[in-house]
């Protein structure tokens, strides 16, 4: 009973942390909308950019324990929205500047006191960013990196589902606000001063909608907690386990799991190496296989420690595969992965092993090419895995896969990560 209460508390803390980050994001947008009534619009880009930079620093701050499982996607979304909003404001101020562009400013319907309407910049940027995150979120490298870090447990699935829901809702709501404000702007607004209807349509309405989104998000988080806490408890109560990927030549052995998705055939209780190997030999009948550890997903309040193992069987072995098991080549694995027919855990393992192996074979740990051939991609063969001397636990290789010498502005990206995002591991 005590363990069940602790697991429920852990899930509640993670969900509340996710909602809190969305609350910070929405409240920063409300502050941005109210900012013209406190300071001149000419100086607004600076505090808005500072808020965005603050979110960037906060999202990168080191955390330990349960909070190491947190998802910072809401903070990164707010950072991008605020920085792009500040940039658009700077461009508008420069274009309408009477000194830089006197003729254009004179002909345009321009008011020095109201050079722009904040909501007609902020909300469209919110819409574009929400649409962008919806498009790239399912297969984005950042989210796949998070799934490999969390091990595709209950938390990572909840994060992915809830973020998709929030971005979809945010996209619909921001589109509606855009339509209403554009309709009012072209039919009733006079670029001279703010009257009461202007204040309602351009300030009050967006602020109220964002507050309502926060309330709706809080209620949904409570419902998700009630629905998913038993699943989290079931996962957390299990002890350390080992997942065994069986490789023979250039093929991997998979079996359909209880919901019909292809997965590894053996998941074994992992108390120690000798017991695990003995249990694997008993279940599979293989006594001469070479077993190597690939990487470890650490235990947490929401899931057990998982050791991801590779079992290499010689090609002349007479191993009898389990019933319903099938051998998969790399091409077939790629096909079923793209069709969504692999278990979440196996998809995470394949992504991590393939991404790190290709980065290790192509680049140094600093991201520079090992060979003087731009965009060179070596071959990936399962039969070569046992000879690789790469640490799959080193998360820096995932960063190298996304940011390397073949990417545009690599040195600038690296400097930004080390200096702005305070990532000292690079």
Protein backbone atom coordinates (compact mmCIF):
# COMPACT_ATOMS: atom_id res chain seq x y z
CA UNK A 1 0.00 0.00 0.00
CA UNK A 2 2.88 2.38 0.79
CA UNK A 3 4.55 1.57 -2.55
CA UNK A 4 1.28 2.18 -4.40
CA UNK A 5 0.89 5.59 -2.72
CA UNK A 6 4.49 6.54 -3.59
CA UNK A 7 4.02 5.54 -7.26
CA UNK A 8 0.81 7.54 -7.52
CA UNK A 9 2.58 10.52 -5.96
CA UNK A 10 5.44 10.23 -8.48
CA UNK A 11 3.04 10.15 -11.43
CA UNK A 12 1.12 13.10 -9.97
CA UNK A 13 4.32 15.14 -9.57
CA UNK A 14 5.37 14.48 -13.18
CA UNK A 15 1.97 15.37 -14.60
CA UNK A 16 1.78 18.49 -12.46
CA UNK A 17 5.28 19.47 -13.59
CA UNK A 18 4.19 19.12 -17.21
CA UNK A 19 1.08 21.24 -16.57
CA UNK A 20 3.17 23.80 -14.67
CA UNK A 21 5.45 24.23 -17.65
CA UNK A 22 2.45 24.81 -19.90
CA UNK A 23 1.17 27.30 -17.31
CA UNK A 24 4.46 29.21 -17.49
CA UNK A 25 4.19 29.22 -21.27
CA UNK A 26 0.61 30.50 -21.35
CA UNK A 27 1.23 33.10 -18.63
CA UNK A 28 4.27 34.41 -20.52
CA UNK A 29 2.01 34.94 -23.53
CA UNK A 30 -0.51 36.78 -21.34
CA UNK A 31 2.29 38.99 -19.98
CA UNK A 32 3.37 39.72 -23.56
CA UNK A 33 -0.17 40.79 -24.49
CA UNK A 34 -0.39 43.11 -21.47
CA UNK A 35 3.11 44.52 -21.88
CA UNK A 36 2.13 47.47 -24.20
CA UNK A 37 0.20 49.02 -21.31
CA UNK A 38 3.32 49.08 -19.15
CA UNK A 39 6.18 49.98 -21.52
CA UNK A 40 6.46 51.46 -24.99
CA UNK A 41 6.09 49.05 -27.90
CA UNK A 42 9.45 50.28 -29.16
CA UNK A 43 11.22 48.57 -26.27
CA UNK A 44 9.02 45.45 -26.06
CA UNK A 45 11.27 43.07 -28.08
CA UNK A 46 13.96 43.20 -25.38
CA UNK A 47 11.95 41.90 -22.38
CA UNK A 48 10.17 39.39 -24.64
CA UNK A 49 13.51 38.03 -25.86
CA UNK A 50 14.74 37.91 -22.26
CA UNK A 51 11.72 35.82 -21.26
CA UNK A 52 12.46 33.44 -24.12
CA UNK A 53 16.10 33.17 -23.06
CA UNK A 54 15.01 32.51 -19.47
CA UNK A 55 12.88 29.59 -20.65
CA UNK A 56 15.85 28.26 -22.62
CA UNK A 57 18.07 28.34 -19.53
CA UNK A 58 15.38 26.85 -17.27
CA UNK A 59 14.72 23.99 -19.70
CA UNK A 60 18.43 23.10 -19.68
CA UNK A 61 19.01 23.33 -15.94
CA UNK A 62 20.29 20.06 -14.42
CA UNK A 63 17.78 18.11 -12.36
CA UNK A 64 18.07 14.85 -10.47
CA UNK A 65 15.85 12.13 -9.11
CA UNK A 66 12.26 12.00 -10.28
CA UNK A 67 12.46 15.34 -12.11
CA UNK A 68 15.09 13.91 -14.45
CA UNK A 69 12.09 12.30 -16.19
CA UNK A 70 10.43 15.64 -16.90
CA UNK A 71 9.53 16.79 -20.41
CA UNK A 72 10.53 20.37 -21.29
CA UNK A 73 8.72 20.59 -24.62
CA UNK A 74 6.33 23.29 -23.35
CA UNK A 75 9.23 25.49 -22.25
CA UNK A 76 10.99 25.01 -25.59
CA UNK A 77 7.77 25.89 -27.40
CA UNK A 78 7.39 29.08 -25.33
CA UNK A 79 11.04 29.94 -25.94
CA UNK A 80 10.62 29.66 -29.72
CA UNK A 81 7.35 31.60 -29.76
CA UNK A 82 8.76 34.46 -27.69
CA UNK A 83 12.04 34.72 -29.61
CA UNK A 84 10.30 34.71 -33.00
CA UNK A 85 7.72 37.23 -31.74
CA UNK A 86 10.52 39.56 -30.62
CA UNK A 87 12.25 39.15 -33.98
CA UNK A 88 9.07 39.99 -35.94
CA UNK A 89 8.55 43.08 -33.76
CA UNK A 90 12.10 44.25 -34.46
CA UNK A 91 11.57 43.82 -38.20
CA UNK A 92 8.31 45.80 -38.09
CA UNK A 93 9.91 48.59 -36.07
CA UNK A 94 12.79 48.81 -38.55
CA UNK A 95 10.56 48.75 -41.63
CA UNK A 96 8.31 51.50 -40.27
CA UNK A 97 11.22 53.56 -38.95
CA UNK A 98 10.87 57.10 -40.29
CA UNK A 99 14.63 57.57 -40.48
CA UNK A 100 15.52 54.30 -42.16
CA UNK A 101 12.51 54.17 -44.50
CA UNK A 102 10.98 57.67 -44.50
CA UNK A 103 9.02 57.36 -47.74
CA UNK A 104 7.47 54.01 -46.87
CA UNK A 105 6.57 55.13 -43.35
CA UNK A 106 4.92 58.28 -44.68
CA UNK A 107 2.74 56.37 -47.16
CA UNK A 108 1.81 53.54 -44.80
CA UNK A 109 -1.05 53.67 -42.34
CA UNK A 110 1.42 54.01 -39.50
CA UNK A 111 1.07 55.29 -35.97
CA UNK A 112 4.23 55.97 -33.99
CA UNK A 113 2.37 55.23 -30.76
CA UNK A 114 0.96 51.90 -32.05
CA UNK A 115 3.48 50.48 -34.57
CA UNK A 116 1.99 47.00 -34.17
CA UNK A 117 -0.74 45.09 -32.36
CA UNK A 118 0.86 42.53 -30.10
CA UNK A 119 -1.80 39.83 -30.44
CA UNK A 120 -1.60 39.96 -34.25
CA UNK A 121 2.07 39.01 -33.99
CA UNK A 122 2.09 36.66 -31.00
CA UNK A 123 -0.95 34.53 -31.85
CA UNK A 124 0.05 33.83 -35.50
CA UNK A 125 3.50 32.81 -34.27
CA UNK A 126 1.82 30.51 -31.74
CA UNK A 127 -0.23 28.98 -34.57
CA UNK A 128 2.75 28.39 -36.84
CA UNK A 129 4.83 26.91 -34.02
CA UNK A 130 2.01 24.63 -32.86
CA UNK A 131 1.53 23.36 -36.42
CA UNK A 132 5.27 22.83 -36.77
CA UNK A 133 5.49 20.87 -33.53
CA UNK A 134 2.51 18.72 -34.55
CA UNK A 135 4.21 17.89 -37.84
CA UNK A 136 7.66 17.10 -36.47
CA UNK A 137 6.72 15.87 -32.97
CA UNK A 138 5.92 12.18 -33.71
CA UNK A 139 9.26 11.51 -35.41
CA UNK A 140 11.38 14.39 -34.15
CA UNK A 141 14.88 13.51 -33.05
CA UNK A 142 14.38 15.36 -29.80
CA UNK A 143 11.38 13.22 -28.81
CA UNK A 144 13.06 10.03 -29.98
CA UNK A 145 16.06 11.05 -27.89
CA UNK A 146 13.73 11.42 -24.91
CA UNK A 147 12.15 8.03 -25.58
CA UNK A 148 15.55 6.38 -25.63
CA UNK A 149 16.44 8.15 -22.37
CA UNK A 150 13.20 7.13 -20.63
CA UNK A 151 13.05 3.69 -22.19
CA UNK A 152 9.53 4.01 -23.68
CA UNK A 153 7.93 3.60 -20.26
CA UNK A 154 4.58 4.91 -19.09
CA UNK A 155 5.92 8.42 -18.60
CA UNK A 156 7.28 8.83 -22.14
CA UNK A 157 4.02 7.59 -23.66
CA UNK A 158 1.96 9.95 -21.51
CA UNK A 159 4.21 12.86 -22.44
CA UNK A 160 3.90 12.13 -26.16
CA UNK A 161 0.14 11.72 -26.03
CA UNK A 162 -0.50 14.79 -23.87
CA UNK A 163 1.83 17.07 -25.82
CA UNK A 164 0.17 16.05 -29.08
CA UNK A 165 -3.26 16.77 -27.58
CA UNK A 166 -2.19 20.17 -26.24
CA UNK A 167 -0.56 21.26 -29.49
CA UNK A 168 -3.61 20.18 -31.47
CA UNK A 169 -5.92 22.10 -29.13
CA UNK A 170 -3.60 25.12 -29.17
CA UNK A 171 -3.52 25.09 -32.97
CA UNK A 172 -7.32 25.07 -33.25
CA UNK A 173 -7.84 27.76 -30.60
CA UNK A 174 -5.12 30.07 -31.95
CA UNK A 175 -6.52 29.74 -35.48
CA UNK A 176 -9.93 30.84 -34.19
CA UNK A 177 -8.37 33.83 -32.38
CA UNK A 178 -6.53 34.76 -35.57
CA UNK A 179 -9.71 34.67 -37.62
CA UNK A 180 -11.62 36.82 -35.13
CA UNK A 181 -8.87 39.41 -34.71
CA UNK A 182 -8.21 39.69 -38.47
CA UNK A 183 -11.93 40.11 -39.12
CA UNK A 184 -12.16 42.84 -36.50
CA UNK A 185 -8.95 44.55 -37.66
CA UNK A 186 -10.07 44.95 -41.27
CA UNK A 187 -13.65 45.89 -40.49
CA UNK A 188 -13.56 48.05 -37.36
CA UNK A 189 -10.06 48.92 -36.22
CA UNK A 190 -8.68 52.44 -36.75
CA UNK A 191 -4.94 52.78 -36.29
CA UNK A 192 -5.08 55.79 -34.02
CA UNK A 193 -5.73 54.65 -30.47
CA UNK A 194 -7.14 51.75 -28.45
CA UNK A 195 -10.82 52.03 -27.56
CA UNK A 196 -12.84 49.55 -25.50
CA UNK A 197 -13.78 47.16 -28.36
CA UNK A 198 -10.13 47.15 -29.52
CA UNK A 199 -9.00 46.26 -26.04
CA UNK A 200 -11.51 43.42 -25.84
CA UNK A 201 -10.71 41.80 -29.19
CA UNK A 202 -6.92 42.28 -29.15
CA UNK A 203 -6.18 41.78 -25.44
CA UNK A 204 -9.01 40.48 -23.26
CA UNK A 205 -10.24 37.73 -25.57
CA UNK A 206 -6.80 36.10 -26.17
CA UNK A 207 -5.92 36.35 -22.47
CA UNK A 208 -9.18 34.76 -21.35
CA UNK A 209 -8.81 31.94 -23.87
CA UNK A 210 -5.28 31.18 -22.66
CA UNK A 211 -6.44 31.06 -19.05
CA UNK A 212 -9.26 28.71 -20.04
CA UNK A 213 -6.70 26.50 -21.79
CA UNK A 214 -4.79 26.28 -18.51
CA UNK A 215 -7.92 25.23 -16.61
CA UNK A 216 -8.78 22.64 -19.27
CA UNK A 217 -5.23 21.31 -19.14
CA UNK A 218 -5.37 20.95 -15.35
CA UNK A 219 -8.64 19.00 -15.53
CA UNK A 220 -7.23 16.74 -18.25
CA UNK A 221 -4.09 16.06 -16.20
CA UNK A 222 -6.27 14.98 -13.29
CA UNK A 223 -8.23 12.62 -15.58
CA UNK A 224 -5.02 11.19 -17.06
CA UNK A 225 -3.66 10.56 -13.58
CA UNK A 226 -6.77 8.62 -12.58
CA UNK A 227 -6.64 6.59 -15.79
CA UNK A 228 -2.94 5.79 -16.00
CA UNK A 229 -1.72 5.53 -12.40
CA UNK A 230 -2.50 1.77 -12.22
CA UNK A 231 -0.38 1.19 -15.34
CA UNK A 232 2.50 3.14 -13.83
CA UNK A 233 2.23 1.14 -10.59
CA UNK A 234 2.30 -2.14 -12.50
CA UNK A 235 5.44 -1.08 -14.35
CA UNK A 236 7.22 0.27 -11.30
CA UNK A 237 6.62 -2.79 -9.12
CA UNK A 238 8.64 -5.03 -11.40
CA UNK A 239 12.31 -5.64 -10.59
CA UNK A 240 15.30 -5.17 -12.93
CA UNK A 241 14.86 -6.86 -16.30
CA UNK A 242 16.98 -7.66 -19.34
CA UNK A 243 15.66 -7.43 -22.91
CA UNK A 244 17.53 -9.75 -25.27
CA UNK A 245 17.85 -8.97 -28.99
CA UNK A 246 18.83 -12.21 -30.74
CA UNK A 247 21.08 -11.68 -33.78
CA UNK A 248 22.23 -14.32 -36.24
CA UNK A 249 24.28 -13.03 -39.13
CA UNK A 250 22.38 -10.09 -40.63
CA UNK A 251 19.02 -11.06 -39.12
CA UNK A 252 17.23 -10.44 -35.83
CA UNK A 253 14.65 -12.75 -34.28
CA UNK A 254 11.28 -11.22 -33.35
CA UNK A 255 7.97 -12.54 -32.06
CA UNK A 256 4.50 -10.90 -31.90
CA UNK A 257 3.67 -9.65 -28.41
CA UNK A 258 0.30 -9.70 -26.64
CA UNK A 259 -1.06 -6.84 -28.78
CA UNK A 260 0.30 -8.12 -32.10
CA UNK A 261 3.38 -5.90 -32.37
CA UNK A 262 6.78 -7.41 -33.15
CA UNK A 263 9.13 -7.51 -30.16
CA UNK A 264 12.14 -9.34 -28.78
CA UNK A 265 11.36 -12.95 -27.79
CA UNK A 266 12.89 -12.90 -24.30
CA UNK A 267 12.57 -10.48 -21.39
CA UNK A 268 14.27 -11.91 -18.31
CA UNK A 269 14.45 -10.93 -14.65
CA UNK A 270 17.90 -9.40 -14.24
CA UNK A 271 19.21 -9.90 -10.72
CA UNK A 272 22.80 -10.57 -11.82
CA UNK A 273 24.71 -11.64 -14.93
CA UNK A 274 25.07 -15.32 -14.10
CA UNK A 275 21.42 -15.80 -13.16
CA UNK A 276 20.30 -13.90 -16.24
CA UNK A 277 22.48 -15.99 -18.58
CA UNK A 278 21.35 -19.22 -16.94
CA UNK A 279 17.69 -18.21 -17.26
CA UNK A 280 18.20 -17.24 -20.91
CA UNK A 281 19.85 -20.61 -21.62
CA UNK A 282 16.93 -22.39 -19.96
CA UNK A 283 14.27 -20.49 -21.92
CA UNK A 284 15.96 -20.49 -25.31
CA UNK A 285 17.98 -23.71 -25.22
CA UNK A 286 21.08 -21.77 -26.36
CA UNK A 287 24.17 -22.48 -24.29
CA UNK A 288 26.97 -21.26 -26.56
CA UNK A 289 25.65 -17.79 -27.48
CA UNK A 290 27.71 -14.64 -26.92
CA UNK A 291 25.77 -12.16 -24.77
CA UNK A 292 26.80 -8.50 -24.61
CA UNK A 293 25.24 -5.54 -22.85
CA UNK A 294 24.35 -2.68 -25.20
CA UNK A 295 23.10 -0.03 -22.77
CA UNK A 296 21.12 0.41 -19.56
CA UNK A 297 17.94 2.36 -18.94
CA UNK A 298 18.23 3.44 -15.28
CA UNK A 299 15.48 2.67 -12.82
CA UNK A 300 13.19 5.42 -11.60
CA UNK A 301 10.07 5.87 -9.53
CA UNK A 302 8.05 5.07 -12.64
CA UNK A 303 9.92 2.09 -14.07
CA UNK A 304 12.51 -0.63 -13.37
CA UNK A 305 16.08 -0.73 -14.56
CA UNK A 306 16.27 -2.32 -18.01
CA UNK A 307 19.42 -3.80 -19.48
CA UNK A 308 19.32 -4.02 -23.26
CA UNK A 309 21.32 -7.05 -24.35
CA UNK A 310 22.46 -8.41 -27.71
CA UNK A 311 22.66 -12.21 -28.08
CA UNK A 312 24.87 -13.33 -30.96
CA UNK A 313 24.24 -16.81 -32.37
CA UNK A 314 26.70 -18.36 -34.80
CA UNK A 315 25.36 -18.79 -38.32
CA UNK A 316 25.94 -22.55 -38.28
CA UNK A 317 23.93 -22.99 -35.07
CA UNK A 318 20.94 -25.36 -35.13
CA UNK A 319 18.92 -23.06 -32.87
CA UNK A 320 15.17 -23.75 -33.03
CA UNK A 321 13.26 -20.48 -32.92
CA UNK A 322 10.11 -20.21 -30.76
CA UNK A 323 6.70 -20.71 -32.31
CA UNK A 324 5.44 -17.73 -34.35
CA UNK A 325 8.96 -16.19 -34.33
CA UNK A 326 10.40 -14.83 -37.57
CA UNK A 327 13.83 -13.66 -38.71
CA UNK A 328 14.00 -10.03 -39.86
CA UNK A 329 16.61 -8.46 -42.11
CA UNK A 330 17.49 -4.76 -41.84
CA UNK A 331 15.24 -3.95 -44.81
CA UNK A 332 12.28 -5.76 -43.30
CA UNK A 333 12.92 -4.17 -39.89
CA UNK A 334 12.91 -0.74 -41.51
CA UNK A 335 9.63 -1.51 -43.29
CA UNK A 336 7.73 -2.70 -40.20
CA UNK A 337 9.22 0.15 -38.15
CA UNK A 338 7.86 2.72 -40.62
CA UNK A 339 4.49 0.94 -40.58
CA UNK A 340 4.30 1.20 -36.78
CA UNK A 341 4.30 -2.59 -36.30
CA UNK A 342 7.17 -2.72 -33.78
CA UNK A 343 6.73 -2.53 -30.01
CA UNK A 344 7.63 0.83 -28.49
CA UNK A 345 10.55 -0.65 -26.56
CA UNK A 346 12.03 -2.33 -29.64
CA UNK A 347 11.60 0.83 -31.74
CA UNK A 348 13.51 2.75 -29.09
CA UNK A 349 16.29 0.14 -29.05
CA UNK A 350 16.65 0.10 -32.83
CA UNK A 351 16.71 3.89 -33.04
CA UNK A 352 19.35 4.20 -30.33
CA UNK A 353 21.64 1.46 -31.61
CA UNK A 354 21.39 2.55 -35.25
CA UNK A 355 21.77 6.28 -34.53
CA UNK A 356 24.73 5.93 -32.19
CA UNK A 357 26.46 3.34 -34.36
CA UNK A 358 26.19 5.48 -37.50
CA UNK A 359 27.36 8.59 -35.63
CA UNK A 360 30.31 6.67 -34.13
CA UNK A 361 31.33 5.24 -37.50
CA UNK A 362 31.08 8.63 -39.26
CA UNK A 363 32.16 11.32 -36.78
CA UNK A 364 34.37 11.93 -33.78
CA UNK A 365 32.78 12.66 -30.40
CA UNK A 366 33.26 16.39 -31.20
CA UNK A 367 31.15 15.99 -34.37
CA UNK A 368 33.94 16.25 -36.94
CA UNK A 369 34.09 13.87 -39.90
CA UNK A 370 36.43 10.90 -39.61
CA UNK A 371 36.77 10.75 -43.38
CA UNK A 372 37.24 13.70 -45.81
CA UNK A 373 34.03 12.86 -47.68
CA UNK A 374 31.08 15.15 -47.07
CA UNK A 375 27.77 13.43 -46.28
CA UNK A 376 29.47 10.02 -46.24
CA UNK A 377 27.28 7.31 -44.69
CA UNK A 378 28.83 3.93 -43.82
CA UNK A 379 26.96 0.65 -44.01
CA UNK A 380 25.02 -0.70 -41.05
CA UNK A 381 25.18 -4.48 -40.69
CA UNK A 382 23.89 -6.54 -37.79
CA UNK A 383 26.73 -9.03 -38.14
CA UNK A 384 29.22 -6.25 -37.29
CA UNK A 385 27.61 -5.34 -33.94
CA UNK A 386 29.72 -7.68 -31.82
CA UNK A 387 32.93 -6.03 -33.08
CA UNK A 388 31.87 -2.42 -32.42
CA UNK A 389 33.73 -0.58 -29.69
CA UNK A 390 31.19 2.14 -28.92
CA UNK A 391 29.48 3.10 -25.67
CA UNK A 392 25.72 3.10 -26.32
CA UNK A 393 25.24 4.62 -22.86
CA UNK A 394 27.04 7.80 -23.98
CA UNK A 395 24.20 10.19 -24.88
CA UNK A 396 26.64 12.57 -26.55
CA UNK A 397 26.52 10.39 -29.65
CA UNK A 398 22.82 11.20 -30.08
CA UNK A 399 23.75 14.90 -30.09
CA UNK A 400 26.52 14.23 -32.63
CA UNK A 401 23.98 12.48 -34.88
CA UNK A 402 21.88 15.66 -34.93
CA UNK A 403 24.70 18.22 -34.89
CA UNK A 404 27.83 17.38 -36.84
CA UNK A 405 30.19 18.80 -39.43
CA UNK A 406 27.81 17.89 -42.28
CA UNK A 407 25.07 20.09 -40.81
CA UNK A 408 24.83 23.81 -41.73
CA UNK A 409 26.32 26.17 -39.14
CA UNK A 410 27.74 23.30 -37.11
CA UNK A 411 30.23 25.42 -35.17
CA UNK A 412 27.55 28.00 -34.38
CA UNK A 413 25.18 25.25 -33.20
CA UNK A 414 27.89 23.80 -30.97
CA UNK A 415 28.75 27.19 -29.54
CA UNK A 416 25.05 27.87 -28.90
CA UNK A 417 24.60 24.57 -27.05
CA UNK A 418 27.68 25.10 -24.92
CA UNK A 419 27.22 28.82 -24.21
CA UNK A 420 23.51 29.63 -24.41
CA UNK A 421 22.04 26.26 -23.38
CA UNK A 422 24.82 25.68 -20.83
CA UNK A 423 25.51 22.11 -22.02
CA UNK A 424 29.03 21.50 -20.68
CA UNK A 425 29.18 17.87 -21.90
CA UNK A 426 29.82 18.96 -25.50
